Amino acid sequence: MTSLPLQHHTVYRTDSDGLHGEQDALAEEAAVALVYNGITHVVLMATPQNLEALALGFSLSEGILTAKSELYDIEVNETCDGIEVHLDIASARFQALKEHRRNMTGRTGCGLCGIDSLAAAKPRLPQAARGRPLTVREIQTALADFDRHQPLRQATGSVHGAAWVQNGSISAAFEDVGRHNALDKLIGHGIREGYDWQQGFALISSRASYEMVAKAAASGIGCIAAVSAPTALAVRLAEQAGMTLIGFARPQKFTVYTHPQYIAE
């Protein structure tokens, strides 16, 4: 088992002269178990870097924790089978997690992580408390700079990125083989650093799916810009949560799907 995010492998490429061997870069994918107070709750397939941020972000965006203060300690341990992230959390949150696990016992999953009913697939998201409007120029400036903050994607072509932008500048960016993991890493880092989620926006390299909007809204992020398209459900969720949702985001142009009043010329 290796915890390096990048590996190299001999591949054979074709050209007019036939096959030629050379070294290629591959993004690592590892099994990462999140263990709460000694009990494994979920195993994620993730890029093995920034795992403490991933664990905290996942815990907050999935409602296992409601505040950073409910996490007392975190430790990353590498095993022969994968990586374990041990989280010591408040007893009240652990009891709620155990109750949720009991409710899940014997039920067939519906395809959404941790969801045990159709009603639960429509989360009640908090209303975003908005700050100043974002300008078109600062959004375009960040988009033009986004590639530079994704070295793993440039090397491998197989990971997603999530970045936090404030005043047009990318202050932090995270990469992962899973788009949800990349966003959770950003959320975890932002919570630890005390980011004001209303004074900027999250930039993601993937589509804006239901899960991405739900995670961002649950964390208090007021605006998310996706390089690819949103889904119809994601647009409805963003509209209800007061979140500005941007899709098809490119340095030259983008499309605003919800709450355009928070975008200034």
Protein backbone atom coordinates (compact mmCIF):
# COMPACT_ATOMS: atom_id res chain seq x y z
CA MET A 1 0.00 0.00 0.00
CA THR A 2 1.30 3.47 -0.90
CA SER A 3 -0.05 6.84 0.15
CA LEU A 4 1.49 8.74 -2.75
CA PRO A 5 -1.18 10.49 -4.87
CA LEU A 6 0.73 9.93 -8.11
CA GLN A 7 2.21 6.73 -9.54
CA HIS A 8 4.13 5.96 -12.73
CA HIS A 9 3.59 3.05 -15.08
CA THR A 10 5.16 1.90 -18.32
CA VAL A 11 2.73 2.26 -21.23
CA TYR A 12 3.03 1.68 -24.96
CA ARG A 13 1.86 4.39 -27.33
CA THR A 14 1.30 4.08 -31.04
CA ASP A 15 2.55 6.33 -33.80
CA SER A 16 3.45 5.91 -37.44
CA ASP A 17 6.43 3.73 -36.44
CA GLY A 18 4.43 1.34 -34.21
CA LEU A 19 4.43 0.88 -30.42
CA HIS A 20 6.84 2.75 -28.17
CA GLY A 21 7.26 2.30 -24.42
CA GLU A 22 7.35 5.29 -22.09
CA GLN A 23 6.46 6.30 -18.55
CA ASP A 24 2.96 7.59 -17.83
CA ALA A 25 1.54 9.23 -14.71
CA LEU A 26 -1.46 7.66 -12.98
CA ALA A 27 -3.58 9.08 -10.16
CA GLU A 28 -3.62 6.77 -7.15
CA GLU A 29 -6.97 5.56 -5.81
CA ALA A 30 -7.12 4.18 -2.28
CA ALA A 31 -9.76 2.82 0.06
CA VAL A 32 -10.18 5.32 2.89
CA ALA A 33 -12.24 4.22 5.90
CA LEU A 34 -13.72 6.92 8.14
CA VAL A 35 -13.80 5.52 11.67
CA TYR A 36 -15.86 7.42 14.26
CA ASN A 37 -15.11 6.65 17.92
CA GLY A 38 -13.82 3.24 16.91
CA ILE A 39 -16.63 2.28 14.50
CA THR A 40 -16.17 2.34 10.72
CA HIS A 41 -19.01 4.28 9.12
CA VAL A 42 -18.03 4.56 5.45
CA VAL A 43 -15.26 3.60 3.05
CA LEU A 44 -14.45 6.13 0.33
CA MET A 45 -12.35 5.57 -2.76
CA ALA A 46 -10.15 8.64 -2.77
CA THR A 47 -6.84 10.18 -3.75
CA PRO A 48 -4.61 9.63 -0.69
CA GLN A 49 -3.75 13.21 0.17
CA ASN A 50 -5.38 15.88 2.37
CA LEU A 51 -7.30 13.10 4.14
CA GLU A 52 -7.87 15.03 7.37
CA ALA A 53 -9.57 17.78 5.38
CA LEU A 54 -11.58 15.14 3.50
CA ALA A 55 -12.76 13.49 6.73
CA LEU A 56 -13.79 16.78 8.34
CA GLY A 57 -15.48 18.06 5.18
CA PHE A 58 -17.38 14.80 4.68
CA SER A 59 -18.47 14.77 8.32
CA LEU A 60 -19.85 18.32 8.07
CA SER A 61 -21.39 18.12 4.60
CA GLU A 62 -23.11 14.81 5.45
CA GLY A 63 -24.46 16.08 8.79
CA ILE A 64 -22.44 13.74 11.00
CA LEU A 65 -21.00 16.83 12.65
CA THR A 66 -22.66 20.22 12.88
CA ALA A 67 -19.56 22.21 13.90
CA LYS A 68 -15.78 21.86 13.87
CA SER A 69 -15.78 21.94 17.68
CA GLU A 70 -17.53 18.54 17.75
CA LEU A 71 -14.38 16.93 16.35
CA TYR A 72 -11.92 16.39 19.22
CA ASP A 73 -9.12 14.57 17.44
CA ILE A 74 -8.25 13.06 14.07
CA GLU A 75 -5.55 10.57 13.09
CA VAL A 76 -4.63 8.96 9.78
CA ASN A 77 -3.31 5.37 9.87
CA GLU A 78 -2.09 3.43 6.85
CA THR A 79 -2.81 -0.33 6.82
CA CYS A 80 -2.06 -3.14 4.39
CA ASP A 81 -5.64 -2.90 3.05
CA GLY A 82 -5.97 0.86 2.80
CA ILE A 83 -6.09 3.94 4.98
CA GLU A 84 -8.08 4.50 8.16
CA VAL A 85 -8.98 7.99 9.35
CA HIS A 86 -9.94 7.85 13.03
CA LEU A 87 -12.15 10.66 14.27
CA ASP A 88 -12.88 11.25 17.94
CA ILE A 89 -16.21 13.10 17.99
CA ALA A 90 -18.63 14.44 20.59
CA SER A 91 -20.73 11.78 22.31
CA ALA A 92 -24.03 13.37 21.24
CA ARG A 93 -23.00 13.27 17.57
CA PHE A 94 -21.77 9.70 17.94
CA GLN A 95 -25.10 8.66 19.45
CA ALA A 96 -26.93 10.26 16.53
CA LEU A 97 -24.64 8.44 14.10
CA LYS A 98 -25.28 5.10 15.81
CA GLU A 99 -29.04 5.72 15.73
CA HIS A 100 -28.81 6.42 12.02
CA ARG A 101 -26.87 3.19 11.51
CA ARG A 102 -29.53 1.23 13.40
CA ASN A 103 -32.25 2.70 11.20
CA MET A 104 -30.30 1.56 8.15
CA THR A 105 -30.01 -2.06 9.32
CA GLY A 106 -31.74 -4.50 7.01
CA ARG A 107 -32.77 -1.87 4.46
CA THR A 108 -31.87 -1.89 0.80
CA GLY A 109 -29.89 1.17 -0.30
CA CYS A 110 -31.46 3.44 -2.91
CA GLY A 111 -28.16 4.50 -4.47
CA LEU A 112 -27.43 7.61 -2.39
CA CYS A 113 -24.79 7.34 0.30
CA GLY A 114 -26.40 7.22 3.74
CA ILE A 115 -29.93 7.75 2.44
CA ASP A 116 -32.56 5.34 3.71
CA SER A 117 -35.79 6.75 2.23
CA LEU A 118 -37.07 8.71 -0.76
CA ALA A 119 -38.05 11.59 1.50
CA ALA A 120 -34.46 11.85 2.75
CA ALA A 121 -33.29 12.39 -0.84
CA LYS A 122 -34.85 15.88 -0.67
CA PRO A 123 -32.79 17.53 2.05
CA ARG A 124 -33.86 20.61 3.95
CA LEU A 125 -31.00 22.92 3.17
CA PRO A 126 -30.24 26.10 5.09
CA GLN A 127 -30.82 29.43 3.38
CA ALA A 128 -27.56 30.99 2.25
CA ALA A 129 -26.69 34.27 3.99
CA ARG A 130 -25.23 36.30 1.15
CA GLY A 131 -22.44 38.84 1.19
CA ARG A 132 -21.51 41.34 -1.50
CA PRO A 133 -22.29 40.49 -5.14
CA LEU A 134 -19.57 38.74 -7.14
CA THR A 135 -18.35 40.45 -10.29
CA VAL A 136 -18.15 38.88 -13.72
CA ARG A 137 -14.49 39.87 -13.92
CA GLU A 138 -13.42 38.11 -10.71
CA ILE A 139 -15.22 34.92 -11.78
CA GLN A 140 -13.51 35.02 -15.18
CA THR A 141 -10.12 35.73 -13.59
CA ALA A 142 -10.38 32.67 -11.34
CA LEU A 143 -11.50 30.47 -14.22
CA ALA A 144 -8.48 31.52 -16.26
CA ASP A 145 -6.22 30.52 -13.35
CA PHE A 146 -7.98 27.26 -12.40
CA ASP A 147 -5.82 24.90 -14.50
CA ARG A 148 -2.66 26.05 -12.76
CA HIS A 149 -4.05 24.83 -9.44
CA GLN A 150 -4.74 21.29 -10.70
CA PRO A 151 -1.31 19.65 -11.13
CA LEU A 152 -2.64 16.10 -10.70
CA ARG A 153 -5.21 16.60 -13.43
CA GLN A 154 -2.58 18.03 -15.73
CA ALA A 155 -0.33 15.02 -15.08
CA THR A 156 -2.98 12.28 -15.24
CA GLY A 157 -6.23 13.63 -16.71
CA SER A 158 -8.23 11.55 -14.24
CA VAL A 159 -8.99 13.71 -11.19
CA HIS A 160 -11.40 16.49 -10.26
CA GLY A 161 -10.63 19.80 -8.63
CA ALA A 162 -12.40 22.10 -6.17
CA ALA A 163 -11.14 25.57 -5.33
CA TRP A 164 -12.14 28.50 -3.12
CA VAL A 165 -12.09 31.92 -4.77
CA GLN A 166 -12.15 35.27 -3.04
CA ASN A 167 -11.71 38.63 -4.79
CA GLY A 168 -10.92 36.75 -7.99
CA SER A 169 -7.97 34.90 -6.43
CA ILE A 170 -7.85 31.15 -5.78
CA SER A 171 -6.84 30.81 -2.13
CA ALA A 172 -6.98 27.00 -1.91
CA ALA A 173 -7.53 24.09 -4.28
CA PHE A 174 -7.87 20.34 -3.79
CA GLU A 175 -7.89 17.38 -6.15
CA ASP A 176 -9.32 13.89 -5.95
CA VAL A 177 -10.44 11.01 -8.15
CA GLY A 178 -13.92 11.65 -6.74
CA ARG A 179 -15.55 15.00 -7.40
CA HIS A 180 -17.43 14.80 -4.09
CA ASN A 181 -14.17 14.10 -2.27
CA ALA A 182 -12.48 17.12 -3.83
CA LEU A 183 -15.32 19.35 -2.61
CA ASP A 184 -15.28 17.77 0.85
CA LYS A 185 -11.54 18.42 1.08
CA LEU A 186 -12.18 22.06 0.27
CA ILE A 187 -15.01 22.28 2.81
CA GLY A 188 -12.91 20.67 5.54
CA HIS A 189 -9.98 22.97 4.85
CA GLY A 190 -12.21 26.04 4.75
CA ILE A 191 -13.85 25.21 8.06
CA ARG A 192 -10.46 24.71 9.71
CA GLU A 193 -9.18 28.00 8.31
CA GLY A 194 -12.32 29.95 9.17
CA TYR A 195 -13.35 30.88 5.63
CA ASP A 196 -16.34 33.19 5.22
CA TRP A 197 -18.34 31.19 2.68
CA GLN A 198 -20.37 34.28 1.72
CA GLN A 199 -17.39 36.33 0.52
CA GLY A 200 -16.41 34.23 -2.47
CA PHE A 201 -17.39 31.12 -4.39
CA ALA A 202 -16.48 27.48 -4.88
CA LEU A 203 -15.14 26.49 -8.29
CA ILE A 204 -15.43 22.82 -9.34
CA SER A 205 -14.08 21.04 -12.40
CA SER A 206 -17.04 18.66 -12.69
CA ARG A 207 -20.75 18.93 -13.39
CA ALA A 208 -22.99 20.43 -10.72
CA SER A 209 -24.95 17.41 -9.56
CA TYR A 210 -27.51 17.11 -6.78
CA GLU A 211 -24.84 15.93 -4.32
CA MET A 212 -22.41 18.73 -5.09
CA VAL A 213 -25.02 21.45 -4.58
CA ALA A 214 -26.37 19.76 -1.44
CA LYS A 215 -22.89 19.49 0.12
CA ALA A 216 -22.06 23.10 -0.71
CA ALA A 217 -25.39 24.43 0.56
CA ALA A 218 -25.23 22.36 3.75
CA SER A 219 -21.82 23.92 4.45
CA GLY A 220 -23.09 27.47 3.91
CA ILE A 221 -21.40 28.18 0.56
CA GLY A 222 -23.33 30.92 -1.22
CA CYS A 223 -22.14 30.36 -4.79
CA ILE A 224 -20.76 27.43 -6.76
CA ALA A 225 -19.39 27.56 -10.30
CA ALA A 226 -19.07 24.34 -12.27
CA VAL A 227 -16.99 23.87 -15.39
CA SER A 228 -19.64 21.48 -16.74
CA ALA A 229 -23.44 21.48 -16.69
CA PRO A 230 -25.83 21.32 -13.73
CA THR A 231 -28.70 18.88 -13.43
CA ALA A 232 -32.30 20.08 -13.17
CA LEU A 233 -32.53 18.85 -9.57
CA ALA A 234 -29.32 20.70 -8.69
CA VAL A 235 -30.81 23.91 -10.09
CA ARG A 236 -33.99 23.46 -8.04
CA LEU A 237 -31.99 22.82 -4.86
CA ALA A 238 -29.79 25.87 -5.44
CA GLU A 239 -32.85 28.02 -6.10
CA GLN A 240 -34.48 26.88 -2.85
CA ALA A 241 -31.30 27.37 -0.81
CA GLY A 242 -30.62 30.89 -2.09
CA MET A 243 -27.39 29.72 -3.72
CA THR A 244 -26.09 31.18 -6.96
CA LEU A 245 -25.34 28.30 -9.32
CA ILE A 246 -23.11 28.82 -12.35
CA GLY A 247 -22.54 26.21 -15.06
CA PHE A 248 -20.49 25.83 -18.25
CA ALA A 249 -17.96 28.12 -16.57
CA ARG A 250 -15.19 29.25 -18.92
CA PRO A 251 -12.83 32.24 -18.78
CA GLN A 252 -14.71 33.84 -21.68
CA LYS A 253 -18.30 33.07 -20.66
CA PHE A 254 -20.52 31.24 -18.19
CA THR A 255 -24.20 30.61 -17.52
CA VAL A 256 -25.96 31.71 -14.31
CA TYR A 257 -28.84 29.37 -13.43
CA THR A 258 -30.05 30.72 -10.09
CA HIS A 259 -30.05 33.99 -8.15
CA PRO A 260 -28.34 36.19 -10.76
CA GLN A 261 -28.92 39.23 -8.53
CA TYR A 262 -25.70 38.26 -6.72
CA ILE A 263 -23.63 38.67 -9.90
CA ALA A 264 -22.59 42.23 -10.79
CA GLU A 265 -21.29 43.53 -14.12
